[in-house]
């Protein structure tokens, strides 16, 4: 499933603004600090994905009707 034409237009309009803001924020870091930050984020994301895989069977399932975990739902 992809974006609707309206969603694509919104994305194309907003993404340059988001990228400009992100660039301005990252200017607070020296280039080597920005590289270290990127590497740290990649390691954190990899660990989060690994934990998701490891813990997936043990995670409570959401009860979408109640907005709570299935174990707690009545």
N, C-alpha and C. Protein backbone atom coordinates (compact mmCIF):
# COMPACT_ATOMS: atom_id res chain seq x y z
N UNK A 1 0.85 -1.17 0.00
CA UNK A 1 0.00 0.00 0.00
C UNK A 1 0.89 1.24 0.00
N UNK A 2 0.55 2.22 -0.76
CA UNK A 2 1.34 3.43 -0.86
C UNK A 2 0.53 4.66 -0.51
N UNK A 3 1.13 5.78 -0.79
CA UNK A 3 0.44 7.04 -0.53
C UNK A 3 -0.60 7.31 -1.60
N UNK A 4 -1.64 7.97 -1.18
CA UNK A 4 -2.63 8.45 -2.15
C UNK A 4 -2.00 9.61 -2.92
N UNK A 5 -2.57 10.00 -4.03
CA UNK A 5 -2.04 11.17 -4.75
C UNK A 5 -1.97 12.42 -3.85
N UNK A 6 -2.99 12.59 -3.00
CA UNK A 6 -3.00 13.74 -2.09
C UNK A 6 -1.87 13.61 -1.06
N UNK A 7 -1.66 12.40 -0.58
CA UNK A 7 -0.57 12.15 0.37
C UNK A 7 0.78 12.39 -0.25
N UNK A 8 0.95 11.97 -1.49
CA UNK A 8 2.20 12.18 -2.22
C UNK A 8 2.47 13.67 -2.39
N UNK A 9 1.44 14.44 -2.73
CA UNK A 9 1.60 15.90 -2.89
C UNK A 9 2.01 16.55 -1.57
N UNK A 10 1.38 16.13 -0.49
CA UNK A 10 1.71 16.67 0.83
C UNK A 10 3.15 16.32 1.19
N UNK A 11 3.54 15.08 0.94
CA UNK A 11 4.91 14.64 1.21
C UNK A 11 5.91 15.49 0.42
N UNK A 12 5.66 15.66 -0.84
CA UNK A 12 6.56 16.43 -1.70
C UNK A 12 6.63 17.90 -1.29
N UNK A 13 5.57 18.41 -0.73
CA UNK A 13 5.56 19.80 -0.28
C UNK A 13 6.28 19.97 1.05
N UNK A 14 6.09 19.02 1.96
CA UNK A 14 6.63 19.17 3.31
C UNK A 14 8.05 18.63 3.49
N UNK A 15 8.42 17.59 2.75
CA UNK A 15 9.72 16.96 2.96
C UNK A 15 10.89 17.93 2.82
N UNK A 16 10.93 18.81 1.83
CA UNK A 16 12.05 19.76 1.78
C UNK A 16 12.14 20.64 3.03
N UNK A 17 11.00 21.01 3.60
CA UNK A 17 10.99 21.81 4.82
C UNK A 17 11.54 21.00 6.00
N UNK A 18 11.13 19.76 6.10
CA UNK A 18 11.60 18.88 7.17
C UNK A 18 13.10 18.67 7.04
N UNK A 19 13.57 18.43 5.84
CA UNK A 19 15.00 18.23 5.62
C UNK A 19 15.81 19.48 5.96
N UNK A 20 15.28 20.65 5.64
CA UNK A 20 15.97 21.90 5.96
C UNK A 20 16.06 22.10 7.47
N UNK A 21 14.98 21.81 8.18
CA UNK A 21 14.98 21.92 9.64
C UNK A 21 15.98 20.94 10.24
N UNK A 22 15.96 19.70 9.77
CA UNK A 22 16.91 18.70 10.27
C UNK A 22 18.35 19.13 10.03
N UNK A 23 18.64 19.69 8.88
CA UNK A 23 19.98 20.16 8.57
C UNK A 23 20.41 21.27 9.52
N UNK A 24 19.49 22.17 9.81
CA UNK A 24 19.80 23.27 10.73
C UNK A 24 20.06 22.74 12.14
N UNK A 25 19.30 21.76 12.57
CA UNK A 25 19.49 21.17 13.89
C UNK A 25 20.85 20.49 13.97
N UNK A 26 21.20 19.73 12.93
CA UNK A 26 22.47 19.00 12.93
C UNK A 26 23.69 19.92 12.84
N UNK A 27 23.48 21.18 12.49
CA UNK A 27 24.59 22.12 12.46
C UNK A 27 25.17 22.35 13.86
N UNK A 28 24.43 21.95 14.90
CA UNK A 28 24.94 22.06 16.27
C UNK A 28 26.09 21.09 16.51
N UNK A 29 26.24 20.08 15.64
CA UNK A 29 27.28 19.08 15.79
C UNK A 29 28.39 19.29 14.77
N UNK A 30 29.59 18.98 15.18
CA UNK A 30 30.71 18.95 14.24
C UNK A 30 30.49 17.73 13.33
N UNK A 31 31.07 17.72 12.13
CA UNK A 31 30.85 16.59 11.21
C UNK A 31 31.15 15.23 11.84
N UNK A 32 32.23 15.12 12.60
CA UNK A 32 32.54 13.82 13.22
C UNK A 32 31.52 13.47 14.30
N UNK A 33 30.97 14.46 14.98
CA UNK A 33 29.93 14.19 15.97
C UNK A 33 28.64 13.73 15.29
N UNK A 34 28.32 14.35 14.16
CA UNK A 34 27.13 13.94 13.41
C UNK A 34 27.27 12.50 12.93
N UNK A 35 28.48 12.13 12.49
CA UNK A 35 28.74 10.75 12.05
C UNK A 35 28.57 9.78 13.22
N UNK A 36 29.10 10.13 14.38
CA UNK A 36 28.97 9.29 15.56
C UNK A 36 27.50 9.16 15.97
N UNK A 37 26.77 10.26 15.86
CA UNK A 37 25.34 10.26 16.18
C UNK A 37 24.59 9.30 15.26
N UNK A 38 24.86 9.38 13.95
CA UNK A 38 24.24 8.48 12.98
C UNK A 38 24.55 7.02 13.30
N UNK A 39 25.81 6.76 13.62
CA UNK A 39 26.21 5.38 13.94
C UNK A 39 25.53 4.89 15.21
N UNK A 40 25.42 5.76 16.20
CA UNK A 40 24.73 5.38 17.44
C UNK A 40 23.26 5.10 17.18
N UNK A 41 22.62 5.92 16.36
CA UNK A 41 21.21 5.69 16.03
C UNK A 41 21.02 4.37 15.29
N UNK A 42 21.94 4.06 14.38
CA UNK A 42 21.86 2.79 13.66
C UNK A 42 22.00 1.61 14.61
N UNK A 43 22.92 1.70 15.58
CA UNK A 43 23.08 0.62 16.56
C UNK A 43 21.84 0.48 17.43
N UNK A 44 21.28 1.61 17.85
CA UNK A 44 20.06 1.56 18.66
C UNK A 44 18.90 0.96 17.89
N UNK A 45 18.77 1.34 16.63
CA UNK A 45 17.68 0.79 15.81
C UNK A 45 17.87 -0.71 15.61
N UNK A 46 19.09 -1.14 15.35
CA UNK A 46 19.35 -2.57 15.17
C UNK A 46 19.02 -3.34 16.44
N UNK A 47 19.39 -2.78 17.60
CA UNK A 47 19.11 -3.46 18.86
C UNK A 47 17.61 -3.50 19.13
N UNK A 48 16.92 -2.42 18.82
CA UNK A 48 15.46 -2.39 19.01
C UNK A 48 14.78 -3.43 18.14
N UNK A 49 15.23 -3.58 16.90
CA UNK A 49 14.65 -4.59 16.01
C UNK A 49 14.95 -6.00 16.52
N UNK A 50 16.16 -6.20 17.02
CA UNK A 50 16.52 -7.51 17.57
C UNK A 50 15.66 -7.83 18.78
N UNK A 51 15.46 -6.86 19.65
CA UNK A 51 14.61 -7.09 20.82
C UNK A 51 13.18 -7.38 20.42
N UNK A 52 12.70 -6.68 19.43
CA UNK A 52 11.34 -6.92 18.96
C UNK A 52 11.18 -8.36 18.51
N UNK A 53 12.18 -8.86 17.78
CA UNK A 53 12.15 -10.25 17.32
C UNK A 53 12.24 -11.21 18.50
N UNK A 54 13.13 -10.93 19.43
CA UNK A 54 13.31 -11.79 20.59
C UNK A 54 12.08 -11.82 21.49
N UNK A 55 11.47 -10.66 21.70
CA UNK A 55 10.37 -10.55 22.66
C UNK A 55 8.99 -10.70 22.05
N UNK A 56 8.92 -10.73 20.74
CA UNK A 56 7.63 -10.72 20.06
C UNK A 56 6.61 -11.70 20.62
N UNK A 57 6.95 -12.98 20.83
CA UNK A 57 5.94 -13.89 21.35
C UNK A 57 5.49 -13.54 22.77
N UNK A 58 6.33 -12.88 23.54
CA UNK A 58 6.00 -12.57 24.93
C UNK A 58 5.27 -11.24 25.08
N UNK A 59 5.26 -10.42 24.04
CA UNK A 59 4.61 -9.12 24.14
C UNK A 59 3.09 -9.30 24.17
N UNK A 60 2.41 -8.54 25.03
CA UNK A 60 0.95 -8.64 25.06
C UNK A 60 0.35 -8.11 23.77
N UNK A 61 -0.72 -8.72 23.35
CA UNK A 61 -1.41 -8.27 22.14
C UNK A 61 -2.39 -7.18 22.53
N UNK A 62 -2.50 -6.16 21.70
CA UNK A 62 -3.39 -5.04 21.97
C UNK A 62 -4.84 -5.46 21.73
N UNK A 63 -5.71 -5.03 22.61
CA UNK A 63 -7.13 -5.17 22.40
C UNK A 63 -7.59 -3.85 21.80
N UNK A 64 -7.71 -3.81 20.49
CA UNK A 64 -7.98 -2.55 19.80
C UNK A 64 -9.33 -1.96 20.17
N UNK A 65 -10.25 -2.78 20.59
CA UNK A 65 -11.56 -2.26 20.99
C UNK A 65 -11.49 -1.56 22.34
N UNK A 66 -10.64 -2.06 23.22
CA UNK A 66 -10.52 -1.51 24.56
C UNK A 66 -9.32 -0.57 24.70
N UNK A 67 -8.37 -0.65 23.78
CA UNK A 67 -7.19 0.20 23.87
C UNK A 67 -6.21 -0.23 24.95
N UNK A 68 -6.32 -1.51 25.35
CA UNK A 68 -5.43 -2.04 26.39
C UNK A 68 -4.89 -3.37 25.91
N UNK A 69 -3.92 -3.89 26.65
CA UNK A 69 -3.36 -5.19 26.27
C UNK A 69 -4.42 -6.27 26.46
N UNK A 70 -4.31 -7.30 25.66
CA UNK A 70 -5.26 -8.40 25.71
C UNK A 70 -5.34 -9.07 27.07
N UNK A 71 -4.21 -9.16 27.77
CA UNK A 71 -4.19 -9.80 29.09
C UNK A 71 -5.01 -9.00 30.11
N UNK A 72 -5.06 -7.67 29.93
CA UNK A 72 -5.75 -6.82 30.89
C UNK A 72 -7.19 -6.56 30.48
N UNK A 73 -7.52 -6.85 29.25
CA UNK A 73 -8.86 -6.53 28.75
C UNK A 73 -9.89 -7.43 29.39
N UNK A 74 -11.08 -6.87 29.56
CA UNK A 74 -12.18 -7.63 30.16
C UNK A 74 -13.12 -8.11 29.09
